[in-house]
């Protein structure tokens, strides 16, 4: 992982002291990306009717597809 990131192993351990912490950071990142995508695709788009908005929410959350 450190090699792919281009950092020393010690530097990686400065940010993530264990495998669990690394996994937790990855999960947090994925959730942040998902929330930003939901906000952009369905929440901030105010000109959508409710059925279209719900369809977009489902597509982003379940299928990661955009209509």
Protein backbone atom coordinates (compact mmCIF):
# COMPACT_ATOMS: atom_id res chain seq x y z
CA UNK A 1 0.00 0.00 0.00
CA UNK A 2 2.79 2.39 0.91
CA UNK A 3 4.55 1.62 -2.38
CA UNK A 4 1.39 2.40 -4.40
CA UNK A 5 0.90 5.64 -2.46
CA UNK A 6 4.54 6.58 -2.97
CA UNK A 7 5.25 6.99 0.74
CA UNK A 8 7.42 5.21 3.26
CA UNK A 9 5.85 2.51 5.43
CA UNK A 10 6.56 4.61 8.52
CA UNK A 11 4.63 7.51 7.01
CA UNK A 12 1.68 5.23 6.34
CA UNK A 13 1.73 4.13 9.98
CA UNK A 14 1.70 7.79 11.06
CA UNK A 15 -1.76 8.08 9.53
CA UNK A 16 -3.01 4.52 9.98
CA UNK A 17 -1.58 2.71 13.01
CA UNK A 18 -3.26 -0.61 12.11
CA UNK A 19 -4.99 -2.47 9.30
CA UNK A 20 -8.30 -1.74 11.00
CA UNK A 21 -7.57 1.99 10.97
CA UNK A 22 -6.66 1.80 7.28
CA UNK A 23 -9.89 -0.04 6.48
CA UNK A 24 -11.87 2.46 8.54
CA UNK A 25 -10.28 5.34 6.62
CA UNK A 26 -11.14 3.68 3.32
CA UNK A 27 -14.75 3.13 4.37
CA UNK A 28 -15.04 6.76 5.51
CA UNK A 29 -13.67 7.88 2.14
CA UNK A 30 -16.18 5.70 0.26
CA UNK A 31 -19.06 7.07 2.33
CA UNK A 32 -17.91 10.65 1.71
CA UNK A 33 -17.83 9.97 -2.04
CA UNK A 34 -21.28 8.37 -1.92
CA UNK A 35 -22.77 11.26 0.06
CA UNK A 36 -21.28 13.82 -2.34
CA UNK A 37 -22.67 11.88 -5.29
CA UNK A 38 -26.12 11.67 -3.69
CA UNK A 39 -26.04 15.38 -3.00
CA UNK A 40 -25.10 16.18 -6.59
CA UNK A 41 -27.38 13.69 -8.33
CA UNK A 42 -30.57 13.91 -6.30
CA UNK A 43 -30.55 16.47 -3.52
CA UNK A 44 -29.16 19.66 -5.04
CA UNK A 45 -31.06 19.13 -8.29
CA UNK A 46 -34.25 20.94 -7.34
CA UNK A 47 -36.02 20.71 -10.69
CA UNK A 48 -36.71 16.98 -10.34
CA UNK A 49 -40.07 15.47 -9.48
CA UNK A 50 -40.14 12.98 -6.58
CA UNK A 51 -40.29 9.78 -8.67
CA UNK A 52 -37.22 10.85 -10.65
CA UNK A 53 -35.40 11.92 -7.50
CA UNK A 54 -36.11 8.57 -5.82
CA UNK A 55 -35.00 6.68 -8.93
CA UNK A 56 -31.71 8.58 -8.90
CA UNK A 57 -31.21 7.89 -5.19
CA UNK A 58 -31.74 4.17 -5.76
CA UNK A 59 -29.48 4.13 -8.81
CA UNK A 60 -26.64 5.85 -6.98
CA UNK A 61 -26.97 3.80 -3.78
CA UNK A 62 -27.70 0.37 -5.17
CA UNK A 63 -26.53 0.18 -8.74
CA UNK A 64 -24.15 3.13 -9.06
CA UNK A 65 -25.90 3.90 -12.33
CA UNK A 66 -26.95 7.28 -13.53
CA UNK A 67 -30.07 7.66 -15.65
